[in-house]
């Protein structure tokens, strides 16, 4: 059976996931010092997922070139 084009992953996941695996949740809890070795792995507290937003780079070079052309 083939996978639909819309479901294929090309270059990895581009957007942030809203659900973490148990291992990822434990790592975040350890970093926040809310989980210690030996604690139960079931019933873990909720962990907030930070969404990363990448800012687009400004086109500075083109604007500078246009400004230089106007001066000439």
C-alpha atoms as a PDB file:
ATOM      1  CA  UNK A   1       0.000   0.000   0.000  1.00  0.00           C
ATOM      2  CA  UNK A   2       1.348   3.444  -0.875  1.00  0.00           C
ATOM      3  CA  UNK A   3       1.371   6.578   1.264  1.00  0.00           C
ATOM      4  CA  UNK A   4      -0.545   9.633   0.103  1.00  0.00           C
ATOM      5  CA  UNK A   5       1.633  12.581  -1.006  1.00  0.00           C
ATOM      6  CA  UNK A   6       0.203  14.818   1.721  1.00  0.00           C
ATOM      7  CA  UNK A   7       1.321  12.371   4.426  1.00  0.00           C
ATOM      8  CA  UNK A   8       4.925  11.953   3.269  1.00  0.00           C
ATOM      9  CA  UNK A   9       7.651  13.632   5.294  1.00  0.00           C
ATOM     10  CA  UNK A  10      10.222  15.238   3.034  1.00  0.00           C
ATOM     11  CA  UNK A  11      12.839  17.105   5.078  1.00  0.00           C
ATOM     12  CA  UNK A  12      11.747  16.110   8.542  1.00  0.00           C
ATOM     13  CA  UNK A  13       8.989  17.766  10.416  1.00  0.00           C
ATOM     14  CA  UNK A  14       8.814  21.483   9.670  1.00  0.00           C
ATOM     15  CA  UNK A  15       6.351  22.480  12.381  1.00  0.00           C
ATOM     16  CA  UNK A  16       6.556  21.962  16.126  1.00  0.00           C
ATOM     17  CA  UNK A  17       4.814  18.960  17.630  1.00  0.00           C
ATOM     18  CA  UNK A  18       2.322  19.427  20.424  1.00  0.00           C
ATOM     19  CA  UNK A  19       2.888  15.982  21.955  1.00  0.00           C
ATOM     20  CA  UNK A  20       6.206  14.788  23.385  1.00  0.00           C
ATOM     21  CA  UNK A  21       7.290  11.192  23.860  1.00  0.00           C
ATOM     22  CA  UNK A  22       7.757   9.928  27.412  1.00  0.00           C
ATOM     23  CA  UNK A  23      11.553  10.131  27.065  1.00  0.00           C
ATOM     24  CA  UNK A  24      11.363  13.753  25.869  1.00  0.00           C
ATOM     25  CA  UNK A  25       9.052  14.656  28.759  1.00  0.00           C
ATOM     26  CA  UNK A  26      11.456  13.085  31.270  1.00  0.00           C
ATOM     27  CA  UNK A  27      14.373  15.033  29.767  1.00  0.00           C
ATOM     28  CA  UNK A  28      12.454  18.311  30.108  1.00  0.00           C
ATOM     29  CA  UNK A  29      11.433  17.457  33.690  1.00  0.00           C
ATOM     30  CA  UNK A  30      15.043  16.634  34.580  1.00  0.00           C
ATOM     31  CA  UNK A  31      16.182  19.970  33.155  1.00  0.00           C
ATOM     32  CA  UNK A  32      13.572  21.739  35.293  1.00  0.00           C
ATOM     33  CA  UNK A  33      14.556  19.596  38.312  1.00  0.00           C
ATOM     34  CA  UNK A  34      11.004  18.258  38.644  1.00  0.00           C
ATOM     35  CA  UNK A  35      11.947  14.587  38.162  1.00  0.00           C
ATOM     36  CA  UNK A  36      14.563  12.453  39.880  1.00  0.00           C
ATOM     37  CA  UNK A  37      15.918   9.011  39.041  1.00  0.00           C
ATOM     38  CA  UNK A  38      13.705   6.336  40.521  1.00  0.00           C
ATOM     39  CA  UNK A  39      10.444   8.289  40.164  1.00  0.00           C
ATOM     40  CA  UNK A  40       7.530   6.573  38.439  1.00  0.00           C
ATOM     41  CA  UNK A  41       7.468   6.839  34.670  1.00  0.00           C
ATOM     42  CA  UNK A  42       3.693   6.689  34.555  1.00  0.00           C
ATOM     43  CA  UNK A  43       1.498   9.643  35.399  1.00  0.00           C
ATOM     44  CA  UNK A  44       4.123  12.242  34.521  1.00  0.00           C
ATOM     45  CA  UNK A  45       3.137  15.888  34.979  1.00  0.00           C
ATOM     46  CA  UNK A  46       2.340  17.985  31.927  1.00  0.00           C
ATOM     47  CA  UNK A  47       5.224  19.670  30.159  1.00  0.00           C
ATOM     48  CA  UNK A  48       4.769  22.842  28.161  1.00  0.00           C
ATOM     49  CA  UNK A  49       5.936  22.613  24.548  1.00  0.00           C
ATOM     50  CA  UNK A  50       7.699  25.771  23.365  1.00  0.00           C
ATOM     51  CA  UNK A  51       6.931  26.691  19.800  1.00  0.00           C
ATOM     52  CA  UNK A  52       9.874  28.003  17.833  1.00  0.00           C
ATOM     53  CA  UNK A  53       9.191  30.822  15.444  1.00  0.00           C
ATOM     54  CA  UNK A  54      11.901  31.683  12.991  1.00  0.00           C
ATOM     55  CA  UNK A  55      12.129  35.280  11.933  1.00  0.00           C
ATOM     56  CA  UNK A  56      12.570  35.958   8.268  1.00  0.00           C
ATOM     57  CA  UNK A  57      15.787  37.650   7.263  1.00  0.00           C
ATOM     58  CA  UNK A  58      15.427  41.167   5.994  1.00  0.00           C
ATOM     59  CA  UNK A  59      16.564  41.986   2.497  1.00  0.00           C
ATOM     60  CA  UNK A  60      19.171  44.588   3.380  1.00  0.00           C
ATOM     61  CA  UNK A  61      21.440  44.162   0.379  1.00  0.00           C
ATOM     62  CA  UNK A  62      18.779  44.942  -2.209  1.00  0.00           C
ATOM     63  CA  UNK A  63      17.620  48.036  -0.333  1.00  0.00           C
ATOM     64  CA  UNK A  64      21.205  49.306  -0.047  1.00  0.00           C
ATOM     65  CA  UNK A  65      21.791  48.733  -3.756  1.00  0.00           C
ATOM     66  CA  UNK A  66      18.593  50.609  -4.653  1.00  0.00           C
ATOM     67  CA  UNK A  67      19.672  53.478  -2.391  1.00  0.00           C
ATOM     68  CA  UNK A  68      23.085  53.606  -4.080  1.00  0.00           C
ATOM     69  CA  UNK A  69      21.478  53.655  -7.531  1.00  0.00           C
ATOM     70  CA  UNK A  70      19.316  56.649  -6.578  1.00  0.00           C
ATOM     71  CA  UNK A  71      22.353  58.597  -5.358  1.00  0.00           C
ATOM     72  CA  UNK A  72      24.155  58.216  -8.724  1.00  0.00           C
END
